[in-house]
């Protein structure tokens, strides 16, 4: 059986959308801290450098 993958839309990271960005950043940090070893976590974003440690960054190359 393969490890389940949970993917979060984190495109707001680095987009200066204060409340949305703060919420997603906090959500990713908490998920990384609480993640079990039998769960993979990924975040889809234009700014993989802003994804917290413990979360797999999936770059979304988009302009607009």
N, C-alpha and C. Protein backbone atom coordinates (compact mmCIF):
# COMPACT_ATOMS: atom_id res chain seq x y z
N UNK A 1 0.84 -1.18 0.00
CA UNK A 1 0.00 0.00 0.00
C UNK A 1 0.88 1.25 0.00
N UNK A 2 0.56 2.22 -0.84
CA UNK A 2 1.37 3.43 -0.92
C UNK A 2 0.95 4.44 0.15
N UNK A 3 1.86 5.35 0.44
CA UNK A 3 1.61 6.37 1.45
C UNK A 3 0.62 7.40 0.92
N UNK A 4 -0.45 7.70 1.67
CA UNK A 4 -1.41 8.71 1.21
C UNK A 4 -0.75 10.08 1.07
N UNK A 5 -1.18 10.83 0.07
CA UNK A 5 -0.65 12.15 -0.20
C UNK A 5 -1.74 13.19 0.02
N UNK A 6 -1.46 14.18 0.86
CA UNK A 6 -2.37 15.30 1.09
C UNK A 6 -1.75 16.52 0.42
N UNK A 7 -2.49 17.17 -0.47
CA UNK A 7 -1.98 18.32 -1.21
C UNK A 7 -2.78 19.56 -0.81
N UNK A 8 -2.05 20.64 -0.52
CA UNK A 8 -2.67 21.91 -0.14
C UNK A 8 -2.37 22.94 -1.22
N UNK A 9 -3.39 23.70 -1.62
CA UNK A 9 -3.21 24.80 -2.56
C UNK A 9 -2.59 25.96 -1.77
N UNK A 10 -1.31 26.21 -1.99
CA UNK A 10 -0.59 27.24 -1.26
C UNK A 10 -0.13 28.36 -2.19
N UNK A 11 -0.88 28.60 -3.23
CA UNK A 11 -0.49 29.61 -4.22
C UNK A 11 -0.46 31.02 -3.65
N UNK A 12 -1.10 31.25 -2.52
CA UNK A 12 -1.09 32.60 -1.92
C UNK A 12 0.24 32.95 -1.27
N UNK A 13 1.10 31.97 -1.03
CA UNK A 13 2.40 32.26 -0.39
C UNK A 13 3.20 33.23 -1.25
N UNK A 14 3.66 34.30 -0.62
CA UNK A 14 4.47 35.29 -1.32
C UNK A 14 3.68 36.24 -2.18
N UNK A 15 2.36 36.21 -2.11
CA UNK A 15 1.52 37.04 -2.99
C UNK A 15 1.00 38.29 -2.27
N UNK A 16 1.41 38.49 -1.01
CA UNK A 16 1.04 39.66 -0.22
C UNK A 16 -0.48 39.79 -0.07
N UNK A 17 -1.12 38.64 0.17
CA UNK A 17 -2.56 38.61 0.46
C UNK A 17 -2.68 38.24 1.92
N UNK A 18 -2.40 39.22 2.77
CA UNK A 18 -2.14 39.07 4.19
C UNK A 18 -2.89 37.96 4.91
N UNK A 19 -4.19 38.04 5.03
CA UNK A 19 -4.94 37.04 5.79
C UNK A 19 -4.85 35.66 5.18
N UNK A 20 -5.00 35.57 3.86
CA UNK A 20 -4.93 34.28 3.18
C UNK A 20 -3.55 33.66 3.32
N UNK A 21 -2.53 34.48 3.12
CA UNK A 21 -1.16 33.99 3.19
C UNK A 21 -0.81 33.53 4.60
N UNK A 22 -1.22 34.31 5.60
CA UNK A 22 -0.96 33.95 6.99
C UNK A 22 -1.65 32.64 7.34
N UNK A 23 -2.89 32.47 6.91
CA UNK A 23 -3.64 31.24 7.20
C UNK A 23 -2.95 30.03 6.58
N UNK A 24 -2.58 30.10 5.31
CA UNK A 24 -1.96 28.95 4.63
C UNK A 24 -0.60 28.64 5.23
N UNK A 25 0.19 29.67 5.53
CA UNK A 25 1.50 29.44 6.15
C UNK A 25 1.35 28.73 7.50
N UNK A 26 0.41 29.20 8.30
CA UNK A 26 0.17 28.58 9.61
C UNK A 26 -0.35 27.15 9.47
N UNK A 27 -1.25 26.94 8.52
CA UNK A 27 -1.79 25.60 8.27
C UNK A 27 -0.68 24.63 7.89
N UNK A 28 0.19 25.04 7.00
CA UNK A 28 1.29 24.17 6.57
C UNK A 28 2.23 23.85 7.73
N UNK A 29 2.55 24.84 8.55
CA UNK A 29 3.42 24.62 9.71
C UNK A 29 2.81 23.61 10.68
N UNK A 30 1.54 23.77 10.96
CA UNK A 30 0.86 22.87 11.89
C UNK A 30 0.75 21.46 11.31
N UNK A 31 0.45 21.36 10.03
CA UNK A 31 0.37 20.04 9.40
C UNK A 31 1.72 19.33 9.44
N UNK A 32 2.79 20.08 9.16
CA UNK A 32 4.13 19.49 9.19
C UNK A 32 4.47 18.99 10.58
N UNK A 33 4.09 19.74 11.59
CA UNK A 33 4.40 19.37 12.97
C UNK A 33 3.58 18.15 13.42
N UNK A 34 2.37 18.02 12.90
CA UNK A 34 1.46 16.96 13.35
C UNK A 34 1.45 15.74 12.43
N UNK A 35 2.13 15.83 11.31
CA UNK A 35 2.07 14.76 10.31
C UNK A 35 2.64 13.45 10.85
N UNK A 36 1.92 12.40 10.59
CA UNK A 36 2.39 11.06 10.94
C UNK A 36 3.35 10.59 9.86
N UNK A 37 4.14 9.60 10.17
CA UNK A 37 5.09 9.09 9.19
C UNK A 37 4.39 8.34 8.06
N UNK A 38 3.12 8.03 8.23
CA UNK A 38 2.39 7.32 7.18
C UNK A 38 1.57 8.26 6.30
N UNK A 39 2.00 9.54 6.23
CA UNK A 39 1.28 10.55 5.47
C UNK A 39 2.28 11.46 4.78
N UNK A 40 2.08 11.70 3.48
CA UNK A 40 2.92 12.65 2.74
C UNK A 40 2.15 13.95 2.58
N UNK A 41 2.84 15.08 2.73
CA UNK A 41 2.22 16.39 2.60
C UNK A 41 2.91 17.16 1.49
N UNK A 42 2.13 17.83 0.64
CA UNK A 42 2.68 18.63 -0.44
C UNK A 42 1.91 19.94 -0.54
N UNK A 43 2.60 20.98 -1.01
CA UNK A 43 1.98 22.28 -1.21
C UNK A 43 2.27 22.74 -2.62
N UNK A 44 1.23 23.11 -3.34
CA UNK A 44 1.38 23.63 -4.69
C UNK A 44 1.49 25.15 -4.59
N UNK A 45 2.58 25.70 -5.13
CA UNK A 45 2.85 27.13 -4.97
C UNK A 45 3.77 27.65 -6.07
N UNK A 46 3.73 28.95 -6.27
CA UNK A 46 4.68 29.59 -7.18
C UNK A 46 5.99 29.89 -6.46
N UNK A 47 5.97 29.84 -5.11
CA UNK A 47 7.13 30.17 -4.29
C UNK A 47 7.52 28.99 -3.40
N UNK A 48 8.15 27.96 -3.96
CA UNK A 48 8.54 26.80 -3.17
C UNK A 48 9.49 27.13 -2.02
N UNK A 49 10.21 28.24 -2.14
CA UNK A 49 11.13 28.64 -1.07
C UNK A 49 10.40 29.05 0.21
N UNK A 50 9.10 29.32 0.13
CA UNK A 50 8.32 29.73 1.30
C UNK A 50 7.57 28.58 1.96
N UNK A 51 7.69 27.40 1.40
CA UNK A 51 7.01 26.23 1.98
C UNK A 51 7.83 25.74 3.17
N UNK A 52 7.18 25.55 4.32
CA UNK A 52 7.91 25.13 5.53
C UNK A 52 8.55 23.74 5.38
N UNK A 53 9.58 23.52 6.16
CA UNK A 53 10.26 22.22 6.19
C UNK A 53 9.26 21.14 6.61
N UNK A 54 9.36 19.99 5.99
CA UNK A 54 8.46 18.89 6.30
C UNK A 54 7.31 18.78 5.31
N UNK A 55 7.21 19.77 4.40
CA UNK A 55 6.18 19.78 3.37
C UNK A 55 6.88 19.74 2.02
N UNK A 56 6.45 18.87 1.14
CA UNK A 56 7.02 18.79 -0.19
C UNK A 56 6.48 19.94 -1.04
N UNK A 57 7.36 20.76 -1.58
CA UNK A 57 6.94 21.88 -2.43
C UNK A 57 6.79 21.41 -3.87
N UNK A 58 5.65 21.74 -4.47
CA UNK A 58 5.40 21.45 -5.88
C UNK A 58 5.24 22.80 -6.57
N UNK A 59 6.21 23.15 -7.40
CA UNK A 59 6.19 24.46 -8.04
C UNK A 59 5.15 24.53 -9.13
N UNK A 60 4.39 25.62 -9.12
CA UNK A 60 3.37 25.89 -10.12
C UNK A 60 3.87 27.06 -10.95
N UNK A 61 4.45 26.79 -12.12
CA UNK A 61 4.99 27.88 -12.93
C UNK A 61 3.85 28.61 -13.67
N UNK A 62 3.38 29.70 -13.06
CA UNK A 62 2.29 30.47 -13.66
C UNK A 62 2.64 31.96 -13.56
N UNK A 63 2.16 32.72 -14.51
CA UNK A 63 2.45 34.16 -14.52
C UNK A 63 1.33 34.99 -13.93
N UNK A 64 0.10 34.59 -14.14
CA UNK A 64 -1.00 35.40 -13.62
C UNK A 64 -2.05 34.55 -12.96
